[in-house]
Amino acid sequence: MSETYKSAGVDILAGDKTIEKIKRFAKSTFNKNVLSDIGLFGGFYELDLTDYKNPVLVSSVDGVGTKLKIAFEMDRHDTIGQDLVNHCVNDIAVCGAEPLFFLDYYATGKLNPDKAAKVIEGFSIACKENGCALIGGETAEMPGFYSGEEYDVSGTIVGIVDKSKIINGSSIQRGDLLIGVTSNGLHTNGYSLARKVLLEKYKLDQHFDELGHTLGEELLRVHKSYLKLIRTLKENVEVKGLSHITGGGIVGNTNRIIPEGLSLHIHWGNWEMPPIFKLIMRTGNVNVEEMRNVFNLGIGLVVIVSPKQERLAFQIIHEMKEHALLIGEVV
């Protein structure tokens, strides 16, 4: 019997079936700037520079880490794509950029068209919510590299900002205030530690009164997008710096934008850790410094403003139905 690509573990027909399933999801995100159809060798996006004096493209690439393992164990794949898009969007939004388009990469050991379509549908949902187009991607079947139908995903976002409106922290000075906007859980960071601690003792379908649902549901909460809030803040407040709190915690991420010679003073007692972080800390006997270095601890975005802008910033955040706390200052 002669060997074929399928006997080696790669099913071209499954790939074609997957493409047919995901076409409508991608097309639902298209706008007037998208010139290409799904299936060409590249994605074409026509830039409208009418409102830009000195346009700068801003890009970011990321994955969702071992949060994927939770999705595999729960056999739920509709949220992972949303996590990835929102994470990438936040990363460029804190630079002052507006997202333009998104590209995805989906790799698996054995391609399951229905499972892949669920992930891509998640990409399309978040792309529409954030106003960006899903203009292309890659689906790779790699037998022997990934285990069975397990998969990995990554995404690239491209956005735009006028050079004069880039937010990079350069105007931050001593006395400026740190306003923390709450997260809704782990977002997409710290899952290797969370899984090791929690899954040695608990089951994902175990209900916790303090969480209000099962552990699995808590761990699959969708990473929040802060784009609309950031956009409104930029229009009304003199925002000196923005920090997306991911791996490295509040200090590690916010230090990226603090000018040399200045540092952060965080008032850790100003807010209470959400229940999921308390559960991780208690179950694994994780010390507080490790918690602060690994997790967002309930703060997903840090906004840095001068004291005279504090009241207005809080008012806008409240009007946008988000919850904010004063968590520190620049010293």
C-alpha atoms as a PDB file:
ATOM      1  CA  MET A   1       0.000   0.000   0.000  1.00  0.00           C
ATOM      2  CA  SER A   2       1.397   3.381  -0.986  1.00  0.00           C
ATOM      3  CA  GLU A   3       1.683   6.059   1.654  1.00  0.00           C
ATOM      4  CA  THR A   4      -0.444   9.211   1.450  1.00  0.00           C
ATOM      5  CA  TYR A   5      -0.564  12.506   3.287  1.00  0.00           C
ATOM      6  CA  LYS A   6      -3.675  11.230   5.084  1.00  0.00           C
ATOM      7  CA  SER A   7      -1.913   8.032   6.208  1.00  0.00           C
ATOM      8  CA  ALA A   8       0.831  10.284   7.604  1.00  0.00           C
ATOM      9  CA  GLY A   9      -1.814  12.056   9.676  1.00  0.00           C
ATOM     10  CA  VAL A  10      -2.729  15.110   7.592  1.00  0.00           C
ATOM     11  CA  ASP A  11      -6.279  15.207   6.209  1.00  0.00           C
ATOM     12  CA  ILE A  12      -6.525  17.756   3.395  1.00  0.00           C
ATOM     13  CA  LEU A  13     -10.295  17.246   3.138  1.00  0.00           C
ATOM     14  CA  ALA A  14     -10.662  18.088   6.842  1.00  0.00           C
ATOM     15  CA  GLY A  15      -8.680  21.249   6.159  1.00  0.00           C
ATOM     16  CA  ASP A  16     -10.978  22.188   3.281  1.00  0.00           C
ATOM     17  CA  LYS A  17     -14.015  21.492   5.459  1.00  0.00           C
ATOM     18  CA  THR A  18     -12.586  23.723   8.189  1.00  0.00           C
ATOM     19  CA  ILE A  19     -12.014  26.583   5.745  1.00  0.00           C
ATOM     20  CA  GLU A  20     -15.606  26.352   4.545  1.00  0.00           C
ATOM     21  CA  LYS A  21     -16.858  26.444   8.134  1.00  0.00           C
ATOM     22  CA  ILE A  22     -14.810  29.472   9.151  1.00  0.00           C
ATOM     23  CA  LYS A  23     -15.285  31.613   6.019  1.00  0.00           C
ATOM     24  CA  ARG A  24     -18.567  33.073   7.225  1.00  0.00           C
ATOM     25  CA  PHE A  25     -17.100  33.934  10.623  1.00  0.00           C
ATOM     26  CA  ALA A  26     -14.213  35.853   9.078  1.00  0.00           C
ATOM     27  CA  LYS A  27     -16.442  37.588   6.517  1.00  0.00           C
ATOM     28  CA  SER A  28     -18.773  38.777   9.287  1.00  0.00           C
ATOM     29  CA  THR A  29     -15.891  40.977  10.541  1.00  0.00           C
ATOM     30  CA  PHE A  30     -15.073  42.553   7.166  1.00  0.00           C
ATOM     31  CA  ASN A  31     -15.502  46.286   6.571  1.00  0.00           C
ATOM     32  CA  LYS A  32     -14.990  48.577   3.593  1.00  0.00           C
ATOM     33  CA  ASN A  33     -11.218  48.513   4.117  1.00  0.00           C
ATOM     34  CA  VAL A  34     -10.896  44.759   3.535  1.00  0.00           C
ATOM     35  CA  LEU A  35     -10.174  44.079  -0.141  1.00  0.00           C
ATOM     36  CA  SER A  36      -9.378  40.363  -0.137  1.00  0.00           C
ATOM     37  CA  ASP A  37     -11.567  37.293   0.099  1.00  0.00           C
ATOM     38  CA  ILE A  38     -10.678  34.265   2.244  1.00  0.00           C
ATOM     39  CA  GLY A  39      -8.321  31.939   0.370  1.00  0.00           C
ATOM     40  CA  LEU A  40      -5.860  34.322  -1.246  1.00  0.00           C
ATOM     41  CA  PHE A  41      -2.201  34.150  -0.279  1.00  0.00           C
ATOM     42  CA  GLY A  42      -2.387  37.383   1.727  1.00  0.00           C
ATOM     43  CA  GLY A  43      -4.917  39.615   3.424  1.00  0.00           C
ATOM     44  CA  PHE A  44      -5.448  43.024   1.801  1.00  0.00           C
ATOM     45  CA  TYR A  45      -6.413  45.999   3.954  1.00  0.00           C
ATOM     46  CA  GLU A  46      -6.746  49.503   2.479  1.00  0.00           C
ATOM     47  CA  LEU A  47      -5.702  52.178   4.962  1.00  0.00           C
ATOM     48  CA  ASP A  48      -7.949  55.204   5.365  1.00  0.00           C
ATOM     49  CA  LEU A  49      -5.587  57.924   6.590  1.00  0.00           C
ATOM     50  CA  THR A  50      -8.049  60.804   6.364  1.00  0.00           C
ATOM     51  CA  ASP A  51      -7.990  61.524  10.099  1.00  0.00           C
ATOM     52  CA  TYR A  52      -4.243  61.021  10.576  1.00  0.00           C
ATOM     53  CA  LYS A  53      -1.529  63.637  10.209  1.00  0.00           C
ATOM     54  CA  ASN A  54       1.409  61.333  10.945  1.00  0.00           C
ATOM     55  CA  PRO A  55       0.073  57.735  11.127  1.00  0.00           C
ATOM     56  CA  VAL A  56       2.026  55.038  12.936  1.00  0.00           C
ATOM     57  CA  LEU A  57       1.170  51.327  12.771  1.00  0.00           C
ATOM     58  CA  VAL A  58       1.222  49.473  16.089  1.00  0.00           C
ATOM     59  CA  SER A  59       1.328  45.682  16.275  1.00  0.00           C
ATOM     60  CA  SER A  60       1.350  42.937  18.884  1.00  0.00           C
ATOM     61  CA  VAL A  61       1.404  39.130  18.898  1.00  0.00           C
ATOM     62  CA  ASP A  62       0.342  36.798  21.702  1.00  0.00           C
ATOM     63  CA  GLY A  63      -1.153  33.469  22.740  1.00  0.00           C
ATOM     64  CA  VAL A  64      -3.345  32.345  25.633  1.00  0.00           C
ATOM     65  CA  GLY A  65      -0.870  29.999  27.327  1.00  0.00           C
ATOM     66  CA  THR A  66      -2.018  27.026  29.362  1.00  0.00           C
ATOM     67  CA  LYS A  67      -5.543  28.381  29.707  1.00  0.00           C
ATOM     68  CA  LEU A  68      -5.968  26.120  26.674  1.00  0.00           C
ATOM     69  CA  LYS A  69      -5.649  23.109  28.987  1.00  0.00           C
ATOM     70  CA  ILE A  70      -8.806  24.208  30.810  1.00  0.00           C
ATOM     71  CA  ALA A  71     -10.661  24.463  27.485  1.00  0.00           C
ATOM     72  CA  PHE A  72      -9.474  20.961  26.519  1.00  0.00           C
ATOM     73  CA  GLU A  73     -10.558  19.411  29.816  1.00  0.00           C
ATOM     74  CA  MET A  74     -13.962  21.099  29.671  1.00  0.00           C
ATOM     75  CA  ASP A  75     -14.293  20.503  25.928  1.00  0.00           C
ATOM     76  CA  ARG A  76     -15.369  24.118  25.543  1.00  0.00           C
ATOM     77  CA  HIS A  77     -13.743  26.085  22.736  1.00  0.00           C
ATOM     78  CA  ASP A  78     -15.945  29.147  22.144  1.00  0.00           C
ATOM     79  CA  THR A  79     -14.138  31.500  24.543  1.00  0.00           C
ATOM     80  CA  ILE A  80     -10.451  30.982  23.712  1.00  0.00           C
ATOM     81  CA  GLY A  81     -10.619  33.029  20.503  1.00  0.00           C
ATOM     82  CA  GLN A  82     -12.231  35.912  22.365  1.00  0.00           C
ATOM     83  CA  ASP A  83      -9.490  35.778  25.005  1.00  0.00           C
ATOM     84  CA  LEU A  84      -6.785  36.070  22.383  1.00  0.00           C
ATOM     85  CA  VAL A  85      -8.298  38.954  20.418  1.00  0.00           C
ATOM     86  CA  ASN A  86      -9.107  40.975  23.541  1.00  0.00           C
ATOM     87  CA  HIS A  87      -5.624  40.415  24.956  1.00  0.00           C
ATOM     88  CA  CYS A  88      -3.992  41.629  21.737  1.00  0.00           C
ATOM     89  CA  VAL A  89      -6.376  44.579  21.400  1.00  0.00           C
ATOM     90  CA  ASN A  90      -5.608  45.717  24.960  1.00  0.00           C
ATOM     91  CA  ASP A  91      -1.876  45.554  24.280  1.00  0.00           C
ATOM     92  CA  ILE A  92      -2.087  48.105  21.469  1.00  0.00           C
ATOM     93  CA  ALA A  93      -4.937  50.146  22.980  1.00  0.00           C
ATOM     94  CA  VAL A  94      -2.747  51.074  25.959  1.00  0.00           C
ATOM     95  CA  CYS A  95      -0.320  52.584  23.417  1.00  0.00           C
ATOM     96  CA  GLY A  96      -3.133  54.818  22.158  1.00  0.00           C
ATOM     97  CA  ALA A  97      -3.836  52.753  19.027  1.00  0.00           C
ATOM     98  CA  GLU A  98      -7.092  51.750  17.368  1.00  0.00           C
ATOM     99  CA  PRO A  99      -7.183  48.141  16.064  1.00  0.00           C
ATOM    100  CA  LEU A 100      -7.397  47.629  12.280  1.00  0.00           C
ATOM    101  CA  PHE A 101      -7.087  43.921  11.591  1.00  0.00           C
ATOM    102  CA  PHE A 102      -6.262  40.583  13.207  1.00  0.00           C
ATOM    103  CA  LEU A 103      -4.508  37.429  11.949  1.00  0.00           C
ATOM    104  CA  ASP A 104      -4.690  34.040  13.662  1.00  0.00           C
ATOM    105  CA  TYR A 105      -2.675  30.819  13.798  1.00  0.00           C
ATOM    106  CA  TYR A 106      -4.329  27.521  14.785  1.00  0.00           C
ATOM    107  CA  ALA A 107      -2.157  24.383  15.019  1.00  0.00           C
ATOM    108  CA  THR A 108      -3.298  20.918  16.060  1.00  0.00           C
ATOM    109  CA  GLY A 109      -2.268  17.264  16.011  1.00  0.00           C
ATOM    110  CA  LYS A 110      -5.488  16.067  14.377  1.00  0.00           C
ATOM    111  CA  LEU A 111      -7.798  18.639  12.824  1.00  0.00           C
ATOM    112  CA  ASN A 112     -11.367  18.589  14.091  1.00  0.00           C
ATOM    113  CA  PRO A 113     -13.282  21.033  11.834  1.00  0.00           C
ATOM    114  CA  ASP A 114     -16.055  21.621  14.397  1.00  0.00           C
ATOM    115  CA  LYS A 115     -13.601  22.365  17.208  1.00  0.00           C
ATOM    116  CA  ALA A 116     -11.510  24.669  15.007  1.00  0.00           C
ATOM    117  CA  ALA A 117     -14.651  26.479  13.863  1.00  0.00           C
ATOM    118  CA  LYS A 118     -15.628  27.170  17.488  1.00  0.00           C
ATOM    119  CA  VAL A 119     -12.256  28.804  18.145  1.00  0.00           C
ATOM    120  CA  ILE A 120     -12.428  30.876  14.948  1.00  0.00           C
ATOM    121  CA  GLU A 121     -15.987  31.903  15.789  1.00  0.00           C
ATOM    122  CA  GLY A 122     -14.591  33.266  19.067  1.00  0.00           C
ATOM    123  CA  PHE A 123     -12.066  35.305  17.073  1.00  0.00           C
ATOM    124  CA  SER A 124     -14.880  36.751  14.942  1.00  0.00           C
ATOM    125  CA  ILE A 125     -17.079  37.629  17.947  1.00  0.00           C
ATOM    126  CA  ALA A 126     -14.297  39.612  19.612  1.00  0.00           C
ATOM    127  CA  CYS A 127     -13.149  41.190  16.343  1.00  0.00           C
ATOM    128  CA  LYS A 128     -16.656  42.549  15.769  1.00  0.00           C
ATOM    129  CA  GLU A 129     -16.897  43.788  19.359  1.00  0.00           C
ATOM    130  CA  ASN A 130     -13.554  45.596  18.980  1.00  0.00           C
ATOM    131  CA  GLY A 131     -14.223  46.911  15.466  1.00  0.00           C
ATOM    132  CA  CYS A 132     -11.358  45.110  13.736  1.00  0.00           C
ATOM    133  CA  ALA A 133     -11.358  42.733  10.769  1.00  0.00           C
ATOM    134  CA  LEU A 134     -10.238  39.098  10.804  1.00  0.00           C
ATOM    135  CA  ILE A 135      -8.513  39.161   7.416  1.00  0.00           C
ATOM    136  CA  GLY A 136      -6.522  35.933   7.456  1.00  0.00           C
ATOM    137  CA  GLY A 137      -4.929  33.099   9.317  1.00  0.00           C
ATOM    138  CA  GLU A 138      -3.274  29.709   9.171  1.00  0.00           C
ATOM    139  CA  THR A 139      -4.641  26.307  10.145  1.00  0.00           C
ATOM    140  CA  ALA A 140      -1.902  23.683  10.532  1.00  0.00           C
ATOM    141  CA  GLU A 141      -2.357  19.961  11.126  1.00  0.00           C
ATOM    142  CA  MET A 142       0.848  18.613  12.688  1.00  0.00           C
ATOM    143  CA  PRO A 143       0.574  14.942  13.706  1.00  0.00           C
ATOM    144  CA  GLY A 144       3.183  13.813  16.213  1.00  0.00           C
ATOM    145  CA  PHE A 145       3.835  17.399  17.284  1.00  0.00           C
ATOM    146  CA  TYR A 146       0.612  18.078  19.190  1.00  0.00           C
ATOM    147  CA  SER A 147      -1.297  15.433  21.138  1.00  0.00           C
ATOM    148  CA  GLY A 148      -4.458  14.256  19.360  1.00  0.00           C
ATOM    149  CA  GLU A 149      -6.986  17.043  18.866  1.00  0.00           C
ATOM    150  CA  GLU A 150      -5.250  19.397  21.290  1.00  0.00           C
ATOM    151  CA  TYR A 151      -4.315  22.698  19.662  1.00  0.00           C
ATOM    152  CA  ASP A 152      -2.374  25.894  20.139  1.00  0.00           C
ATOM    153  CA  VAL A 153      -3.376  29.367  18.991  1.00  0.00           C
ATOM    154  CA  SER A 154      -1.638  32.674  18.524  1.00  0.00           C
ATOM    155  CA  GLY A 155      -2.755  35.965  17.068  1.00  0.00           C
ATOM    156  CA  THR A 156      -1.351  39.154  15.619  1.00  0.00           C
ATOM    157  CA  ILE A 157      -3.116  42.507  15.829  1.00  0.00           C
ATOM    158  CA  VAL A 158      -2.279  45.582  13.768  1.00  0.00           C
ATOM    159  CA  GLY A 159      -3.578  49.007  14.749  1.00  0.00           C
ATOM    160  CA  ILE A 160      -2.943  52.667  14.061  1.00  0.00           C
ATOM    161  CA  VAL A 161      -2.293  55.860  16.028  1.00  0.00           C
ATOM    162  CA  ASP A 162      -1.249  59.360  15.119  1.00  0.00           C
ATOM    163  CA  LYS A 163       2.344  59.894  16.228  1.00  0.00           C
ATOM    164  CA  SER A 164       1.359  62.887  18.362  1.00  0.00           C
ATOM    165  CA  LYS A 165      -1.193  60.751  20.242  1.00  0.00           C
ATOM    166  CA  ILE A 166       1.026  57.815  21.176  1.00  0.00           C
ATOM    167  CA  ILE A 167       0.711  57.002  24.889  1.00  0.00           C
ATOM    168  CA  ASN A 168       4.116  55.893  26.167  1.00  0.00           C
ATOM    169  CA  GLY A 169       4.386  57.307  29.685  1.00  0.00           C
ATOM    170  CA  SER A 170       6.961  59.972  28.771  1.00  0.00           C
ATOM    171  CA  SER A 171       4.991  62.746  30.516  1.00  0.00           C
ATOM    172  CA  ILE A 172       4.571  60.828  33.803  1.00  0.00           C
ATOM    173  CA  GLN A 173       5.988  62.661  36.809  1.00  0.00           C
ATOM    174  CA  ARG A 174       6.191  62.327  40.576  1.00  0.00           C
ATOM    175  CA  GLY A 175       2.820  62.640  42.255  1.00  0.00           C
ATOM    176  CA  ASP A 176       0.786  61.238  39.364  1.00  0.00           C
ATOM    177  CA  LEU A 177      -1.911  58.782  40.422  1.00  0.00           C
ATOM    178  CA  LEU A 178      -2.521  55.142  39.502  1.00  0.00           C
ATOM    179  CA  ILE A 179      -6.151  54.260  38.924  1.00  0.00           C
ATOM    180  CA  GLY A 180      -6.841  50.532  38.700  1.00  0.00           C
ATOM    181  CA  VAL A 181      -9.732  49.233  36.606  1.00  0.00           C
ATOM    182  CA  THR A 182     -10.942  45.821  37.723  1.00  0.00           C
ATOM    183  CA  SER A 183     -10.392  42.569  35.841  1.00  0.00           C
ATOM    184  CA  ASN A 184     -12.941  39.749  35.794  1.00  0.00           C
ATOM    185  CA  GLY A 185     -10.526  37.009  36.836  1.00  0.00           C
ATOM    186  CA  LEU A 186      -7.206  35.611  35.686  1.00  0.00           C
ATOM    187  CA  HIS A 187      -7.693  36.864  32.101  1.00  0.00           C
ATOM    188  CA  THR A 188      -5.006  34.834  30.282  1.00  0.00           C
ATOM    189  CA  ASN A 189      -2.106  34.798  32.724  1.00  0.00           C
ATOM    190  CA  GLY A 190      -0.830  32.655  35.573  1.00  0.00           C
ATOM    191  CA  TYR A 191      -2.634  29.490  34.475  1.00  0.00           C
ATOM    192  CA  SER A 192       0.366  27.175  34.892  1.00  0.00           C
ATOM    193  CA  LEU A 193       0.519  28.022  38.595  1.00  0.00           C
ATOM    194  CA  ALA A 194      -3.274  28.149  38.991  1.00  0.00           C
ATOM    195  CA  ARG A 195      -3.703  24.736  37.365  1.00  0.00           C
ATOM    196  CA  LYS A 196      -0.940  23.138  39.423  1.00  0.00           C
ATOM    197  CA  VAL A 197      -2.383  24.455  42.666  1.00  0.00           C
ATOM    198  CA  LEU A 198      -6.110  24.029  42.045  1.00  0.00           C
ATOM    199  CA  LEU A 199      -6.400  20.882  39.933  1.00  0.00           C
ATOM    200  CA  GLU A 200      -4.353  18.771  42.350  1.00  0.00           C
ATOM    201  CA  LYS A 201      -7.193  19.242  44.848  1.00  0.00           C
ATOM    202  CA  TYR A 202     -10.358  20.250  42.994  1.00  0.00           C
ATOM    203  CA  LYS A 203     -12.355  19.203  39.912  1.00  0.00           C
ATOM    204  CA  LEU A 204     -13.301  21.696  37.214  1.00  0.00           C
ATOM    205  CA  ASP A 205     -16.997  20.859  37.624  1.00  0.00           C
ATOM    206  CA  GLN A 206     -16.837  21.532  41.381  1.00  0.00           C
ATOM    207  CA  HIS A 207     -19.106  24.406  42.464  1.00  0.00           C
ATOM    208  CA  PHE A 208     -17.764  27.077  44.808  1.00  0.00           C
ATOM    209  CA  ASP A 209     -20.174  29.353  46.630  1.00  0.00           C
ATOM    210  CA  GLU A 210     -17.597  32.157  46.791  1.00  0.00           C
ATOM    211  CA  LEU A 211     -17.190  32.020  42.996  1.00  0.00           C
ATOM    212  CA  GLY A 212     -20.895  31.673  42.281  1.00  0.00           C
ATOM    213  CA  HIS A 213     -20.288  28.859  39.756  1.00  0.00           C
ATOM    214  CA  THR A 214     -17.935  25.983  38.998  1.00  0.00           C
ATOM    215  CA  LEU A 215     -14.160  26.265  39.033  1.00  0.00           C
ATOM    216  CA  GLY A 216     -14.031  25.560  35.302  1.00  0.00           C
ATOM    217  CA  GLU A 217     -16.463  28.357  34.506  1.00  0.00           C
ATOM    218  CA  GLU A 218     -14.383  30.757  36.575  1.00  0.00           C
ATOM    219  CA  LEU A 219     -11.152  29.782  34.851  1.00  0.00           C
ATOM    220  CA  LEU A 220     -12.703  30.197  31.387  1.00  0.00           C
ATOM    221  CA  ARG A 221     -14.022  33.720  32.003  1.00  0.00           C
ATOM    222  CA  VAL A 222     -13.285  35.767  28.871  1.00  0.00           C
ATOM    223  CA  HIS A 223     -10.366  38.206  29.099  1.00  0.00           C
ATOM    224  CA  LYS A 224     -11.931  41.689  29.162  1.00  0.00           C
ATOM    225  CA  SER A 225     -11.387  44.227  26.398  1.00  0.00           C
ATOM    226  CA  TYR A 226     -10.728  47.747  27.687  1.00  0.00           C
ATOM    227  CA  LEU A 227     -10.749  49.368  24.244  1.00  0.00           C
ATOM    228  CA  LYS A 228     -14.018  51.311  24.578  1.00  0.00           C
ATOM    229  CA  LEU A 229     -13.075  52.590  28.021  1.00  0.00           C
ATOM    230  CA  ILE A 230      -9.598  53.627  26.856  1.00  0.00           C
ATOM    231  CA  ARG A 231     -11.071  55.380  23.825  1.00  0.00           C
ATOM    232  CA  THR A 232     -13.462  57.403  26.015  1.00  0.00           C
ATOM    233  CA  LEU A 233     -10.750  58.254  28.534  1.00  0.00           C
ATOM    234  CA  LYS A 234      -8.425  59.503  25.771  1.00  0.00           C
ATOM    235  CA  GLU A 235     -11.152  61.797  24.452  1.00  0.00           C
ATOM    236  CA  ASN A 236     -11.893  63.404  27.801  1.00  0.00           C
ATOM    237  CA  VAL A 237      -8.902  63.077  30.119  1.00  0.00           C
ATOM    238  CA  GLU A 238      -5.195  63.798  29.831  1.00  0.00           C
ATOM    239  CA  VAL A 239      -4.049  60.185  30.101  1.00  0.00           C
ATOM    240  CA  LYS A 240      -0.314  60.060  30.858  1.00  0.00           C
ATOM    241  CA  GLY A 241       0.090  56.301  30.784  1.00  0.00           C
ATOM    242  CA  LEU A 242      -1.818  53.050  30.438  1.00  0.00           C
ATOM    243  CA  SER A 243      -0.765  49.575  31.498  1.00  0.00           C
ATOM    244  CA  HIS A 244      -2.391  46.264  30.522  1.00  0.00           C
ATOM    245  CA  ILE A 245      -1.866  43.949  33.493  1.00  0.00           C
ATOM    246  CA  THR A 246      -0.777  40.552  32.180  1.00  0.00           C
ATOM    247  CA  GLY A 247       2.085  38.213  33.157  1.00  0.00           C
ATOM    248  CA  GLY A 248       4.353  40.041  35.592  1.00  0.00           C
ATOM    249  CA  GLY A 249       1.529  41.606  37.560  1.00  0.00           C
ATOM    250  CA  ILE A 250       0.741  45.232  38.330  1.00  0.00           C
ATOM    251  CA  VAL A 251       4.293  46.363  39.093  1.00  0.00           C
ATOM    252  CA  GLY A 252       6.041  44.391  36.360  1.00  0.00           C
ATOM    253  CA  ASN A 253       3.775  45.696  33.614  1.00  0.00           C
ATOM    254  CA  THR A 254       3.347  49.289  34.809  1.00  0.00           C
ATOM    255  CA  ASN A 255       7.098  49.732  35.265  1.00  0.00           C
ATOM    256  CA  ARG A 256       7.420  49.430  31.471  1.00  0.00           C
ATOM    257  CA  ILE A 257       6.070  52.960  31.067  1.00  0.00           C
ATOM    258  CA  ILE A 258       7.551  54.677  34.132  1.00  0.00           C
ATOM    259  CA  PRO A 259      10.359  57.138  33.207  1.00  0.00           C
ATOM    260  CA  GLU A 260      13.835  56.555  34.612  1.00  0.00           C
ATOM    261  CA  GLY A 261      14.336  57.954  38.116  1.00  0.00           C
ATOM    262  CA  LEU A 262      10.704  57.339  39.139  1.00  0.00           C
ATOM    263  CA  SER A 263       9.054  54.313  40.729  1.00  0.00           C
ATOM    264  CA  LEU A 264       5.679  53.005  41.854  1.00  0.00           C
ATOM    265  CA  HIS A 265       4.132  53.029  45.295  1.00  0.00           C
ATOM    266  CA  ILE A 266       1.229  50.561  45.276  1.00  0.00           C
ATOM    267  CA  HIS A 267      -1.392  50.689  48.021  1.00  0.00           C
ATOM    268  CA  TRP A 268      -2.028  46.934  48.133  1.00  0.00           C
ATOM    269  CA  GLY A 269      -4.551  47.319  50.916  1.00  0.00           C
ATOM    270  CA  ASN A 270      -6.865  49.556  48.864  1.00  0.00           C
ATOM    271  CA  TRP A 271      -8.739  46.654  47.309  1.00  0.00           C
ATOM    272  CA  GLU A 272      -9.658  43.086  48.137  1.00  0.00           C
ATOM    273  CA  MET A 273      -8.423  40.228  45.961  1.00  0.00           C
ATOM    274  CA  PRO A 274     -11.322  38.544  44.116  1.00  0.00           C
ATOM    275  CA  PRO A 275     -12.255  35.061  45.410  1.00  0.00           C
ATOM    276  CA  ILE A 276     -10.394  33.096  42.714  1.00  0.00           C
ATOM    277  CA  PHE A 277      -7.057  34.610  43.748  1.00  0.00           C
ATOM    278  CA  LYS A 278      -7.770  33.949  47.427  1.00  0.00           C
ATOM    279  CA  LEU A 279      -8.578  30.337  46.521  1.00  0.00           C
ATOM    280  CA  ILE A 280      -5.261  29.925  44.667  1.00  0.00           C
ATOM    281  CA  MET A 281      -3.299  31.561  47.492  1.00  0.00           C
ATOM    282  CA  ARG A 282      -4.978  29.484  50.197  1.00  0.00           C
ATOM    283  CA  THR A 283      -4.930  26.142  48.378  1.00  0.00           C
ATOM    284  CA  GLY A 284      -1.318  26.318  47.251  1.00  0.00           C
ATOM    285  CA  ASN A 285       0.042  28.246  50.221  1.00  0.00           C
ATOM    286  CA  VAL A 286       1.386  30.760  47.687  1.00  0.00           C
ATOM    287  CA  ASN A 287       3.092  33.732  49.313  1.00  0.00           C
ATOM    288  CA  VAL A 288       1.838  37.231  48.647  1.00  0.00           C
ATOM    289  CA  GLU A 289       4.913  38.367  46.704  1.00  0.00           C
ATOM    290  CA  GLU A 290       4.561  35.447  44.300  1.00  0.00           C
ATOM    291  CA  MET A 291       0.855  36.264  43.846  1.00  0.00           C
ATOM    292  CA  ARG A 292       1.723  39.890  43.032  1.00  0.00           C
ATOM    293  CA  ASN A 293       4.398  38.836  40.526  1.00  0.00           C
ATOM    294  CA  VAL A 294       2.237  36.306  38.680  1.00  0.00           C
ATOM    295  CA  PHE A 295      -1.403  37.467  38.716  1.00  0.00           C
ATOM    296  CA  ASN A 296      -3.373  40.672  38.074  1.00  0.00           C
ATOM    297  CA  LEU A 297      -5.075  40.245  41.505  1.00  0.00           C
ATOM    298  CA  GLY A 298      -8.270  41.862  40.246  1.00  0.00           C
ATOM    299  CA  ILE A 299      -6.755  44.846  38.377  1.00  0.00           C
ATOM    300  CA  GLY A 300      -6.704  44.462  34.589  1.00  0.00           C
ATOM    301  CA  LEU A 301      -5.824  48.007  33.549  1.00  0.00           C
ATOM    302  CA  VAL A 302      -3.876  50.829  35.186  1.00  0.00           C
ATOM    303  CA  VAL A 303      -4.573  54.422  34.155  1.00  0.00           C
ATOM    304  CA  ILE A 304      -2.036  57.088  35.152  1.00  0.00           C
ATOM    305  CA  VAL A 305      -3.270  60.676  35.471  1.00  0.00           C
ATOM    306  CA  SER A 306      -2.329  63.855  37.325  1.00  0.00           C
ATOM    307  CA  PRO A 307      -4.153  64.509  40.627  1.00  0.00           C
ATOM    308  CA  LYS A 308      -6.211  67.281  39.012  1.00  0.00           C
ATOM    309  CA  GLN A 309      -7.632  64.766  36.487  1.00  0.00           C
ATOM    310  CA  GLU A 310      -8.475  62.127  39.102  1.00  0.00           C
ATOM    311  CA  ARG A 311     -12.117  63.047  39.674  1.00  0.00           C
ATOM    312  CA  LEU A 312     -12.948  63.274  35.967  1.00  0.00           C
ATOM    313  CA  ALA A 313     -11.233  59.957  35.247  1.00  0.00           C
ATOM    314  CA  PHE A 314     -13.204  58.202  37.980  1.00  0.00           C
ATOM    315  CA  GLN A 315     -16.438  59.747  36.715  1.00  0.00           C
ATOM    316  CA  ILE A 316     -15.847  58.525  33.157  1.00  0.00           C
ATOM    317  CA  ILE A 317     -14.863  55.022  34.262  1.00  0.00           C
ATOM    318  CA  HIS A 318     -18.038  54.840  36.352  1.00  0.00           C
ATOM    319  CA  GLU A 319     -20.163  56.084  33.441  1.00  0.00           C
ATOM    320  CA  MET A 320     -18.638  53.339  31.277  1.00  0.00           C
ATOM    321  CA  LYS A 321     -19.967  50.784  33.794  1.00  0.00           C
ATOM    322  CA  GLU A 322     -16.480  49.801  34.956  1.00  0.00           C
ATOM    323  CA  HIS A 323     -15.202  49.725  38.529  1.00  0.00           C
ATOM    324  CA  ALA A 324     -12.100  51.740  39.456  1.00  0.00           C
ATOM    325  CA  LEU A 325      -9.931  52.153  42.536  1.00  0.00           C
ATOM    326  CA  LEU A 326      -7.063  54.436  43.486  1.00  0.00           C
ATOM    327  CA  ILE A 327      -4.235  51.914  43.833  1.00  0.00           C
ATOM    328  CA  GLY A 328      -1.099  54.021  44.149  1.00  0.00           C
ATOM    329  CA  GLU A 329       1.067  56.873  42.923  1.00  0.00           C
ATOM    330  CA  VAL A 330       4.316  57.613  41.146  1.00  0.00           C
ATOM    331  CA  VAL A 331       7.174  58.461  43.520  1.00  0.00           C
END
